[in-house]
Structures are given as C-alpha cells and as structure tokens.
Amino acid sequence: MEKKNLSRQVADDIYRMIAVTQELRPGQQLPGEMILSDKLGVSRSTLREAIKTLCSQGVLEVYRGKGTYVAKSMEGFINFGLDDLNMSRSRVKDLFESRLLFEPQLAALACQRATEDELKDILAAGAEVEASIRSDRDRTAADQDFHKKIAIASHNRFMLQLLPIIHSAVSETISLNEQQALLSEITLRDHAQIMYFIERRDAEGARAAMILHLRNAMSVLGL
C-alpha cells in the first residue's frame, strides 16, 4: 500500500478509536509516537501524516511542548449515548431522521469539492461494501467507511464531526438483524446510484439518491 493511502487508513483507525470504540476520549492526550505507531503497526512518519490529517479536520489538536490531544469539541458529537447496544427502535428512527438532515447535503458537497483521489476513495469504499455483501461478510465497517469517505470529500469540518451519528445508525441497523437480505439488496442498488452521481459530480442527483437510500432503509425497518 502506498504511503499516502496507508496514512489515510491510519487516520481512519485513530478516528475509530475516538468515535467508535472510544479508546481515546475528547481532551485526552494521545499515547507517545512509539507506543501508538507500534499499536497501529506503522512507521512514525506514517503516523505523523495521519495525525496531520486529523488535525486539519479538527479531530486532533497539537499543543507545542505538551503533545497531541483529541479535540474537546468532539465531546458534543460522541457523547450522545450512542454506544448503547440495546438502542430502541425509536432511537434508530431518530438517528435516521438526523442523517436525513445532513447526509444528502454531504453527498452534494462531495460532488462539488472532492479531489480526484477522494472520488476514487469513495468508489473503492463502495466496491468494498458490495464485495462484503456478495461474500456474505459483515459489512458494518465497510458501510461506515463508504459514508465516511463521502463526508471527508465534502471538506466541511463541522459536518465531518457528525460521523458518529452515521456510524451508529449503520451499526445499529445491521445489528437489528431484521430484513437483512432486503436491506442488503437495497444497499447494493442505492449505493450504486449514489456512486453513479458522485462519479459524474452531479450534486442534485447525489442528494436525491442519498435521500432515497435513507428513506428506503427506514421503510424496510418500519421506522
């Protein structure tokens, strides 16, 4: 894997440690370079590139003479009680309604602002979701990554910090284990439409496709 892609993957891994597993909390200092690079299995130079990326996105903050910290502003986006694995259907509905408020706009912004490399990342992430479904593997991480890549390509720092809502909605939908065959079919079809419009930088088409995708999932789940 080329260094640029590896550092991006490391950035994703660190973000997951903050927003998903919560191994790192807002305001907490990151472990030393040697410790963290060993944990992630990468060189310190690759780790520095990943940290630089996350700093530019407002996820991490560097204080001279002190070290690197998880931004305190992440607290408001993580501590929603979204780690409750027994989330009720009403909470899942709330998550999807929240996604409807901002995720279609993320898709539209991605069409307008994505670099060519970011477009390739979105398409690659979508292909991984398809591969996971067709090989009957858990698609949770791949599905989260697809939507995350779209958010990153929007180049909106605030919207990027809403990713825990997307991640939680995806994992909770899959963990509900209801109508999974139909949900997988919908995911294959809807993601293909979203990618079609994003690849062509059709902002309105991508916005409409994302709305349809979210509403289709809500309909299948009876939300």
C-alpha atoms as a PDB file:
ATOM      1  CA  MET A   1       0.000   0.000   0.000  1.00  0.00           C
ATOM      2  CA  GLU A   2       1.440   3.383  -0.966  1.00  0.00           C
ATOM      3  CA  LYS A   3       2.350   5.703   1.888  1.00  0.00           C
ATOM      4  CA  LYS A   4      -0.436   8.221   1.181  1.00  0.00           C
ATOM      5  CA  ASN A   5      -3.133   5.552   1.308  1.00  0.00           C
ATOM      6  CA  LEU A   6      -1.557   3.972   4.387  1.00  0.00           C
ATOM      7  CA  SER A   7      -1.528   7.250   6.301  1.00  0.00           C
ATOM      8  CA  ARG A   8      -5.183   7.764   5.358  1.00  0.00           C
ATOM      9  CA  GLN A   9      -6.020   4.306   6.705  1.00  0.00           C
ATOM     10  CA  VAL A  10      -4.145   5.091   9.922  1.00  0.00           C
ATOM     11  CA  ALA A  11      -6.132   8.324  10.244  1.00  0.00           C
ATOM     12  CA  ASP A  12      -9.316   6.256   9.878  1.00  0.00           C
ATOM     13  CA  ASP A  13      -8.108   3.842  12.560  1.00  0.00           C
ATOM     14  CA  ILE A  14      -7.367   6.651  15.016  1.00  0.00           C
ATOM     15  CA  TYR A  15     -10.737   8.253  14.300  1.00  0.00           C
ATOM     16  CA  ARG A  16     -12.409   4.910  15.002  1.00  0.00           C
ATOM     17  CA  MET A  17     -10.574   4.764  18.342  1.00  0.00           C
ATOM     18  CA  ILE A  18     -12.185   8.098  19.191  1.00  0.00           C
ATOM     19  CA  ALA A  19     -15.664   7.930  17.694  1.00  0.00           C
ATOM     20  CA  VAL A  20     -16.479   4.220  17.725  1.00  0.00           C
ATOM     21  CA  THR A  21     -14.515   2.225  20.316  1.00  0.00           C
ATOM     22  CA  GLN A  22     -13.861   5.340  22.423  1.00  0.00           C
ATOM     23  CA  GLU A  23     -10.406   4.136  23.449  1.00  0.00           C
ATOM     24  CA  LEU A  24      -9.471   7.800  23.218  1.00  0.00           C
ATOM     25  CA  ARG A  25     -11.718  10.444  24.730  1.00  0.00           C
ATOM     26  CA  PRO A  26     -12.136  14.168  23.967  1.00  0.00           C
ATOM     27  CA  GLY A  27      -9.431  16.140  25.758  1.00  0.00           C
ATOM     28  CA  GLN A  28      -7.245  13.062  26.230  1.00  0.00           C
ATOM     29  CA  GLN A  29      -3.613  13.091  25.157  1.00  0.00           C
ATOM     30  CA  LEU A  30      -2.583  10.574  22.526  1.00  0.00           C
ATOM     31  CA  PRO A  31      -0.016   7.951  23.547  1.00  0.00           C
ATOM     32  CA  GLY A  32       3.575   8.671  22.545  1.00  0.00           C
ATOM     33  CA  GLU A  33       4.593   8.196  18.938  1.00  0.00           C
ATOM     34  CA  MET A  34       6.493   4.986  19.599  1.00  0.00           C
ATOM     35  CA  ILE A  35       3.621   3.404  21.536  1.00  0.00           C
ATOM     36  CA  LEU A  36       0.910   4.415  19.058  1.00  0.00           C
ATOM     37  CA  SER A  37       2.931   3.517  15.948  1.00  0.00           C
ATOM     38  CA  ASP A  38       3.626   0.071  17.441  1.00  0.00           C
ATOM     39  CA  LYS A  39      -0.058  -0.388  18.288  1.00  0.00           C
ATOM     40  CA  LEU A  40      -1.112   0.510  14.741  1.00  0.00           C
ATOM     41  CA  GLY A  41       1.760  -1.362  13.108  1.00  0.00           C
ATOM     42  CA  VAL A  42       3.093   1.591  11.093  1.00  0.00           C
ATOM     43  CA  SER A  43       6.173   3.794  10.999  1.00  0.00           C
ATOM     44  CA  ARG A  44       6.320   7.009  12.974  1.00  0.00           C
ATOM     45  CA  SER A  45       6.465   9.052   9.748  1.00  0.00           C
ATOM     46  CA  THR A  46       3.199   7.468   8.572  1.00  0.00           C
ATOM     47  CA  LEU A  47       1.660   8.127  11.982  1.00  0.00           C
ATOM     48  CA  ARG A  48       2.689  11.794  11.763  1.00  0.00           C
ATOM     49  CA  GLU A  49       0.992  12.126   8.373  1.00  0.00           C
ATOM     50  CA  ALA A  50      -2.207  10.600   9.781  1.00  0.00           C
ATOM     51  CA  ILE A  51      -2.127  12.946  12.785  1.00  0.00           C
ATOM     52  CA  LYS A  52      -1.598  15.907  10.452  1.00  0.00           C
ATOM     53  CA  THR A  53      -4.701  14.875   8.503  1.00  0.00           C
ATOM     54  CA  LEU A  54      -6.827  14.585  11.633  1.00  0.00           C
ATOM     55  CA  CYS A  55      -5.564  17.954  12.892  1.00  0.00           C
ATOM     56  CA  SER A  56      -6.652  19.567   9.626  1.00  0.00           C
ATOM     57  CA  GLN A  57     -10.119  18.053  10.166  1.00  0.00           C
ATOM     58  CA  GLY A  58     -10.372  19.390  13.726  1.00  0.00           C
ATOM     59  CA  VAL A  59     -10.383  15.927  15.278  1.00  0.00           C
ATOM     60  CA  LEU A  60      -6.970  16.323  16.955  1.00  0.00           C
ATOM     61  CA  GLU A  61      -5.130  19.350  18.322  1.00  0.00           C
ATOM     62  CA  VAL A  62      -1.369  19.775  18.810  1.00  0.00           C
ATOM     63  CA  TYR A  63      -0.087  21.856  21.704  1.00  0.00           C
ATOM     64  CA  ARG A  64       3.580  22.769  21.486  1.00  0.00           C
ATOM     65  CA  GLY A  65       5.593  21.383  24.340  1.00  0.00           C
ATOM     66  CA  LYS A  66       2.650  19.288  25.540  1.00  0.00           C
ATOM     67  CA  GLY A  67       1.688  16.832  22.814  1.00  0.00           C
ATOM     68  CA  THR A  68      -1.289  15.840  20.678  1.00  0.00           C
ATOM     69  CA  TYR A  69      -4.800  15.703  22.135  1.00  0.00           C
ATOM     70  CA  VAL A  70      -8.252  14.652  20.992  1.00  0.00           C
ATOM     71  CA  ALA A  71     -10.152  17.896  20.388  1.00  0.00           C
ATOM     72  CA  LYS A  72     -12.511  18.704  23.255  1.00  0.00           C
ATOM     73  CA  SER A  73     -15.089  19.756  20.668  1.00  0.00           C
ATOM     74  CA  MET A  74     -15.503  16.051  19.805  1.00  0.00           C
ATOM     75  CA  GLU A  75     -17.322  15.530  23.111  1.00  0.00           C
ATOM     76  CA  GLY A  76     -20.543  17.035  21.828  1.00  0.00           C
ATOM     77  CA  PHE A  77     -20.597  14.694  18.856  1.00  0.00           C
ATOM     78  CA  ILE A  78     -19.632  11.474  20.607  1.00  0.00           C
ATOM     79  CA  ASN A  79     -21.405  11.589  23.945  1.00  0.00           C
ATOM     80  CA  PHE A  80     -24.966  11.122  22.692  1.00  0.00           C
ATOM     81  CA  GLY A  81     -25.393   7.773  24.431  1.00  0.00           C
ATOM     82  CA  LEU A  82     -24.870   6.220  21.022  1.00  0.00           C
ATOM     83  CA  ASP A  83     -22.869   3.334  22.476  1.00  0.00           C
ATOM     84  CA  ASP A  84     -25.961   1.723  23.974  1.00  0.00           C
ATOM     85  CA  LEU A  85     -26.170  -1.608  22.150  1.00  0.00           C
ATOM     86  CA  ASN A  86     -29.786  -2.047  23.185  1.00  0.00           C
ATOM     87  CA  MET A  87     -30.916   1.108  21.439  1.00  0.00           C
ATOM     88  CA  SER A  88     -34.681   1.144  20.926  1.00  0.00           C
ATOM     89  CA  ARG A  89     -36.310   1.397  17.522  1.00  0.00           C
ATOM     90  CA  SER A  90     -37.324   4.963  18.314  1.00  0.00           C
ATOM     91  CA  ARG A  91     -33.660   5.860  18.802  1.00  0.00           C
ATOM     92  CA  VAL A  92     -32.776   4.254  15.460  1.00  0.00           C
ATOM     93  CA  LYS A  93     -35.526   6.322  13.869  1.00  0.00           C
ATOM     94  CA  ASP A  94     -34.075   9.463  15.464  1.00  0.00           C
ATOM     95  CA  LEU A  95     -30.665   8.608  14.036  1.00  0.00           C
ATOM     96  CA  PHE A  96     -32.052   8.183  10.528  1.00  0.00           C
ATOM     97  CA  GLU A  97     -34.032  11.400  10.770  1.00  0.00           C
ATOM     98  CA  SER A  98     -30.826  13.150  11.810  1.00  0.00           C
ATOM     99  CA  ARG A  99     -28.992  11.653   8.846  1.00  0.00           C
ATOM    100  CA  LEU A 100     -31.694  12.942   6.513  1.00  0.00           C
ATOM    101  CA  LEU A 101     -30.975  16.453   7.741  1.00  0.00           C
ATOM    102  CA  PHE A 102     -27.316  16.499   6.726  1.00  0.00           C
ATOM    103  CA  GLU A 103     -26.151  13.443   4.775  1.00  0.00           C
ATOM    104  CA  PRO A 104     -27.809  14.319   1.431  1.00  0.00           C
ATOM    105  CA  GLN A 105     -26.004  17.665   1.608  1.00  0.00           C
ATOM    106  CA  LEU A 106     -22.721  15.875   2.293  1.00  0.00           C
ATOM    107  CA  ALA A 107     -23.217  13.887  -0.917  1.00  0.00           C
ATOM    108  CA  ALA A 108     -23.922  17.072  -2.851  1.00  0.00           C
ATOM    109  CA  LEU A 109     -20.868  18.831  -1.421  1.00  0.00           C
ATOM    110  CA  ALA A 110     -18.704  15.817  -2.223  1.00  0.00           C
ATOM    111  CA  CYS A 111     -19.693  16.163  -5.879  1.00  0.00           C
ATOM    112  CA  GLN A 112     -18.616  19.792  -5.859  1.00  0.00           C
ATOM    113  CA  ARG A 113     -15.466  19.602  -3.726  1.00  0.00           C
ATOM    114  CA  ALA A 114     -13.939  16.116  -3.900  1.00  0.00           C
ATOM    115  CA  THR A 115     -10.443  15.755  -5.287  1.00  0.00           C
ATOM    116  CA  GLU A 116      -9.895  13.050  -7.889  1.00  0.00           C
ATOM    117  CA  ASP A 117      -8.242  10.887  -5.237  1.00  0.00           C
ATOM    118  CA  GLU A 118     -11.227  11.343  -2.917  1.00  0.00           C
ATOM    119  CA  LEU A 119     -13.601  10.316  -5.715  1.00  0.00           C
ATOM    120  CA  LYS A 120     -11.549   7.149  -6.168  1.00  0.00           C
ATOM    121  CA  ASP A 121     -11.689   6.543  -2.403  1.00  0.00           C
ATOM    122  CA  ILE A 122     -15.490   6.787  -2.421  1.00  0.00           C
ATOM    123  CA  LEU A 123     -15.806   4.355  -5.329  1.00  0.00           C
ATOM    124  CA  ALA A 124     -13.312   1.945  -3.736  1.00  0.00           C
ATOM    125  CA  ALA A 125     -15.221   2.055  -0.436  1.00  0.00           C
ATOM    126  CA  GLY A 126     -18.472   1.387  -2.292  1.00  0.00           C
ATOM    127  CA  ALA A 127     -16.886  -1.587  -4.054  1.00  0.00           C
ATOM    128  CA  GLU A 128     -15.816  -2.967  -0.671  1.00  0.00           C
ATOM    129  CA  VAL A 129     -19.394  -2.758   0.621  1.00  0.00           C
ATOM    130  CA  GLU A 130     -20.576  -4.669  -2.450  1.00  0.00           C
ATOM    131  CA  ALA A 131     -17.847  -7.298  -2.005  1.00  0.00           C
ATOM    132  CA  SER A 132     -18.789  -7.738   1.667  1.00  0.00           C
ATOM    133  CA  ILE A 133     -22.459  -8.263   0.814  1.00  0.00           C
ATOM    134  CA  ARG A 134     -21.817 -10.638  -2.071  1.00  0.00           C
ATOM    135  CA  SER A 135     -19.418 -12.745   0.010  1.00  0.00           C
ATOM    136  CA  ASP A 136     -21.819 -12.725   2.963  1.00  0.00           C
ATOM    137  CA  ARG A 137     -19.367 -10.919   5.246  1.00  0.00           C
ATOM    138  CA  ASP A 138     -20.244  -8.370   7.931  1.00  0.00           C
ATOM    139  CA  ARG A 139     -20.470  -5.099   6.019  1.00  0.00           C
ATOM    140  CA  THR A 140     -20.654  -2.779   9.036  1.00  0.00           C
ATOM    141  CA  ALA A 141     -17.145  -1.323   8.830  1.00  0.00           C
ATOM    142  CA  ALA A 142     -17.212  -1.138   5.024  1.00  0.00           C
ATOM    143  CA  ASP A 143     -20.607   0.607   5.020  1.00  0.00           C
ATOM    144  CA  GLN A 144     -19.441   3.098   7.648  1.00  0.00           C
ATOM    145  CA  ASP A 145     -16.292   3.748   5.626  1.00  0.00           C
ATOM    146  CA  PHE A 146     -18.290   4.430   2.447  1.00  0.00           C
ATOM    147  CA  HIS A 147     -20.346   7.131   4.133  1.00  0.00           C
ATOM    148  CA  LYS A 148     -17.266   8.475   5.906  1.00  0.00           C
ATOM    149  CA  LYS A 149     -15.403   8.871   2.608  1.00  0.00           C
ATOM    150  CA  ILE A 150     -18.306  10.944   1.284  1.00  0.00           C
ATOM    151  CA  ALA A 151     -18.202  13.114   4.404  1.00  0.00           C
ATOM    152  CA  ILE A 152     -14.453  13.639   4.069  1.00  0.00           C
ATOM    153  CA  ALA A 153     -14.876  14.663   0.433  1.00  0.00           C
ATOM    154  CA  SER A 154     -17.378  17.348   1.489  1.00  0.00           C
ATOM    155  CA  HIS A 155     -14.458  19.306   3.014  1.00  0.00           C
ATOM    156  CA  ASN A 156     -16.718  20.594   5.776  1.00  0.00           C
ATOM    157  CA  ARG A 157     -15.000  20.159   9.151  1.00  0.00           C
ATOM    158  CA  PHE A 158     -18.155  20.553  11.225  1.00  0.00           C
ATOM    159  CA  MET A 159     -20.137  18.056   9.166  1.00  0.00           C
ATOM    160  CA  LEU A 160     -17.283  15.576   9.432  1.00  0.00           C
ATOM    161  CA  GLN A 161     -17.660  15.624  13.206  1.00  0.00           C
ATOM    162  CA  LEU A 162     -21.216  14.311  12.801  1.00  0.00           C
ATOM    163  CA  LEU A 163     -19.833  10.961  11.634  1.00  0.00           C
ATOM    164  CA  PRO A 164     -20.662   9.199  14.943  1.00  0.00           C
ATOM    165  CA  ILE A 165     -24.342   9.580  14.022  1.00  0.00           C
ATOM    166  CA  ILE A 166     -23.748   7.811  10.704  1.00  0.00           C
ATOM    167  CA  HIS A 167     -21.560   5.126  12.253  1.00  0.00           C
ATOM    168  CA  SER A 168     -24.074   4.388  14.989  1.00  0.00           C
ATOM    169  CA  ALA A 169     -27.029   4.286  12.596  1.00  0.00           C
ATOM    170  CA  VAL A 170     -25.230   1.837  10.295  1.00  0.00           C
ATOM    171  CA  SER A 171     -24.124  -0.499  13.089  1.00  0.00           C
ATOM    172  CA  GLU A 172     -27.497  -0.410  14.833  1.00  0.00           C
ATOM    173  CA  THR A 173     -29.379  -1.082  11.592  1.00  0.00           C
ATOM    174  CA  ILE A 174     -27.271  -4.134  10.864  1.00  0.00           C
ATOM    175  CA  SER A 175     -27.378  -5.356  14.476  1.00  0.00           C
ATOM    176  CA  LEU A 176     -31.197  -5.208  14.477  1.00  0.00           C
ATOM    177  CA  ASN A 177     -30.954  -8.281  12.221  1.00  0.00           C
ATOM    178  CA  GLU A 178     -34.358  -7.623  10.680  1.00  0.00           C
ATOM    179  CA  GLN A 179     -34.933  -7.879   6.936  1.00  0.00           C
ATOM    180  CA  GLN A 180     -31.171  -8.086   6.363  1.00  0.00           C
ATOM    181  CA  ALA A 181     -31.492  -9.759   2.959  1.00  0.00           C
ATOM    182  CA  LEU A 182     -33.747  -6.975   1.719  1.00  0.00           C
ATOM    183  CA  LEU A 183     -31.571  -4.303   3.319  1.00  0.00           C
ATOM    184  CA  SER A 184     -28.541  -5.756   1.553  1.00  0.00           C
ATOM    185  CA  GLU A 185     -30.341  -5.622  -1.801  1.00  0.00           C
ATOM    186  CA  ILE A 186     -31.334  -2.020  -1.170  1.00  0.00           C
ATOM    187  CA  THR A 187     -27.781  -1.133  -0.148  1.00  0.00           C
ATOM    188  CA  LEU A 188     -26.352  -2.614  -3.359  1.00  0.00           C
ATOM    189  CA  ARG A 189     -28.842  -0.764  -5.537  1.00  0.00           C
ATOM    190  CA  ASP A 190     -28.829   2.554  -3.680  1.00  0.00           C
ATOM    191  CA  HIS A 191     -25.062   2.759  -3.231  1.00  0.00           C
ATOM    192  CA  ALA A 192     -24.646   2.119  -6.967  1.00  0.00           C
ATOM    193  CA  GLN A 193     -26.917   5.106  -7.661  1.00  0.00           C
ATOM    194  CA  ILE A 194     -25.088   7.333  -5.183  1.00  0.00           C
ATOM    195  CA  MET A 195     -21.732   6.423  -6.725  1.00  0.00           C
ATOM    196  CA  TYR A 196     -23.092   6.972 -10.244  1.00  0.00           C
ATOM    197  CA  PHE A 197     -23.990  10.577  -9.467  1.00  0.00           C
ATOM    198  CA  ILE A 198     -20.916  11.325  -7.353  1.00  0.00           C
ATOM    199  CA  GLU A 199     -18.582   9.992 -10.039  1.00  0.00           C
ATOM    200  CA  ARG A 200     -20.276  12.373 -12.501  1.00  0.00           C
ATOM    201  CA  ARG A 201     -20.224  15.227  -9.971  1.00  0.00           C
ATOM    202  CA  ASP A 202     -23.985  15.558 -10.230  1.00  0.00           C
ATOM    203  CA  ALA A 203     -24.772  17.238  -6.903  1.00  0.00           C
ATOM    204  CA  GLU A 204     -28.560  17.202  -7.214  1.00  0.00           C
ATOM    205  CA  GLY A 205     -28.593  13.608  -8.378  1.00  0.00           C
ATOM    206  CA  ALA A 206     -26.364  12.539  -5.471  1.00  0.00           C
ATOM    207  CA  ARG A 207     -28.522  14.452  -2.991  1.00  0.00           C
ATOM    208  CA  ALA A 208     -31.691  12.779  -4.274  1.00  0.00           C
ATOM    209  CA  ALA A 209     -30.041   9.342  -4.311  1.00  0.00           C
ATOM    210  CA  MET A 210     -28.923   9.705  -0.698  1.00  0.00           C
ATOM    211  CA  ILE A 211     -32.398  10.784   0.419  1.00  0.00           C
ATOM    212  CA  LEU A 212     -33.893   7.783  -1.371  1.00  0.00           C
ATOM    213  CA  HIS A 213     -31.333   5.449   0.213  1.00  0.00           C
ATOM    214  CA  LEU A 214     -32.103   6.621   3.746  1.00  0.00           C
ATOM    215  CA  ARG A 215     -35.868   6.570   3.221  1.00  0.00           C
ATOM    216  CA  ASN A 216     -35.706   3.073   1.698  1.00  0.00           C
ATOM    217  CA  ALA A 217     -33.845   1.767   4.754  1.00  0.00           C
ATOM    218  CA  MET A 218     -36.316   3.444   7.086  1.00  0.00           C
ATOM    219  CA  SER A 219     -39.226   1.933   5.167  1.00  0.00           C
ATOM    220  CA  VAL A 220     -37.816  -1.605   5.348  1.00  0.00           C
ATOM    221  CA  LEU A 221     -37.161  -1.223   9.072  1.00  0.00           C
ATOM    222  CA  GLY A 222     -40.667   0.149   9.613  1.00  0.00           C
ATOM    223  CA  LEU A 223     -39.380   3.435  11.047  1.00  0.00           C
END
